[in-house]
Amino acid sequence: MEYAWGIIAIIGAAFAQIDGVMKQDWTRTGNIDFHAAALESPSPQPLTLRVEEKRITENAMGQDVVELRWRLATLDEAKELVVCWNARQG
């Protein structure tokens, strides 16, 4: 049963604050996502544009720990997406 507790400890550590030296603050990865609350609904649903970011921290053992998160896109990022879309369509 020692193995199962190790997995729980790793999963629990994934949601805790990582102590160490920050090597790179939150930066965009280039991945985007259009999120819809209810895909199966017959009525129109709003789409939420989300942007993936990553942060790199070096832990006490010298290993790089990469954290990923999704956040809502800013208006400037949405405009950038529209410009890229229109450039590819033309």
Protein backbone atom coordinates (compact mmCIF):
# COMPACT_ATOMS: atom_id res chain seq x y z
CA MET A 1 0.00 0.00 0.00
CA GLU A 2 3.01 2.29 0.16
CA TYR A 3 2.71 2.88 -3.59
CA ALA A 4 -0.87 4.17 -3.41
CA TRP A 5 0.04 6.74 -0.74
CA GLY A 6 2.87 7.96 -2.96
CA ILE A 7 0.43 8.65 -5.79
CA ILE A 8 -1.90 10.53 -3.45
CA ALA A 9 1.03 12.62 -2.22
CA ILE A 10 2.01 13.49 -5.80
CA ILE A 11 -1.56 14.43 -6.75
CA GLY A 12 -1.93 16.51 -3.58
CA ALA A 13 1.36 18.27 -4.28
CA ALA A 14 0.19 19.18 -7.78
CA PHE A 15 -2.41 21.57 -6.35
CA ALA A 16 -0.16 23.12 -3.70
CA GLN A 17 2.15 26.11 -4.14
CA ILE A 18 5.52 24.99 -5.47
CA ASP A 19 8.48 26.28 -3.47
CA GLY A 20 11.64 27.08 -5.37
CA VAL A 21 13.26 29.56 -7.70
CA MET A 22 11.04 30.93 -10.45
CA LYS A 23 12.78 30.56 -13.81
CA GLN A 24 9.96 31.87 -16.00
CA ASP A 25 6.77 33.67 -14.95
CA TRP A 26 3.40 33.00 -16.57
CA THR A 27 3.72 33.16 -20.37
CA ARG A 28 1.38 32.08 -23.16
CA THR A 29 1.98 28.66 -24.70
CA GLY A 30 0.14 29.47 -27.93
CA ASN A 31 -2.76 27.09 -27.20
CA ILE A 32 -6.28 28.51 -27.19
CA ASP A 33 -9.67 27.01 -26.41
CA PHE A 34 -13.23 28.04 -27.17
CA HIS A 35 -15.31 26.87 -24.22
CA ALA A 36 -19.08 26.39 -24.45
CA ALA A 37 -21.03 25.65 -21.28
CA ALA A 38 -23.62 23.29 -22.78
CA LEU A 39 -22.79 21.72 -26.13
CA GLU A 40 -25.98 19.67 -26.37
CA SER A 41 -28.34 22.63 -25.89
CA PRO A 42 -30.57 23.50 -28.88
CA SER A 43 -30.28 27.22 -28.12
CA PRO A 44 -27.20 29.26 -29.03
CA GLN A 45 -24.46 29.23 -26.40
CA PRO A 46 -21.82 31.87 -25.74
CA LEU A 47 -18.25 30.87 -26.52
CA THR A 48 -15.54 31.80 -24.04
CA LEU A 49 -12.03 32.24 -25.44
CA ARG A 50 -9.42 30.82 -23.06
CA VAL A 51 -5.62 30.99 -23.27
CA GLU A 52 -3.16 28.45 -21.87
CA GLU A 53 -0.19 29.72 -19.86
CA LYS A 54 2.81 28.05 -18.27
CA ARG A 55 5.20 28.91 -15.46
CA ILE A 56 8.54 27.20 -14.82
CA THR A 57 9.92 26.86 -11.29
CA GLU A 58 13.07 25.07 -10.18
CA ASN A 59 12.40 23.03 -7.05
CA ALA A 60 14.85 22.34 -4.21
CA MET A 61 16.25 19.25 -6.02
CA GLY A 62 17.11 21.25 -9.15
CA GLN A 63 14.24 19.88 -11.26
CA ASP A 64 12.17 22.12 -13.48
CA VAL A 65 8.48 22.06 -12.57
CA VAL A 66 6.13 23.30 -15.30
CA GLU A 67 2.70 24.50 -14.21
CA LEU A 68 -0.09 24.94 -16.76
CA ARG A 69 -3.28 26.96 -16.36
CA TRP A 70 -6.14 28.23 -18.48
CA ARG A 71 -7.34 31.82 -18.12
CA LEU A 72 -9.82 34.04 -19.92
CA ALA A 73 -8.35 35.83 -22.93
CA THR A 74 -7.97 39.60 -22.91
CA LEU A 75 -9.59 41.80 -25.52
CA ASP A 76 -6.20 42.38 -27.20
CA GLU A 77 -5.63 38.61 -27.43
CA ALA A 78 -9.08 38.13 -28.97
CA LYS A 79 -8.33 40.85 -31.52
CA GLU A 80 -5.00 39.16 -32.31
CA LEU A 81 -6.87 35.90 -32.96
CA VAL A 82 -9.31 37.64 -35.34
CA VAL A 83 -6.41 39.22 -37.25
CA CYS A 84 -4.70 35.83 -37.63
CA TRP A 85 -7.98 34.21 -38.73
CA ASN A 86 -8.65 36.88 -41.33
CA ALA A 87 -5.08 36.64 -42.68
CA ARG A 88 -5.46 32.89 -43.22
CA GLN A 89 -8.86 33.27 -44.90
CA GLY A 90 -7.69 35.87 -47.42
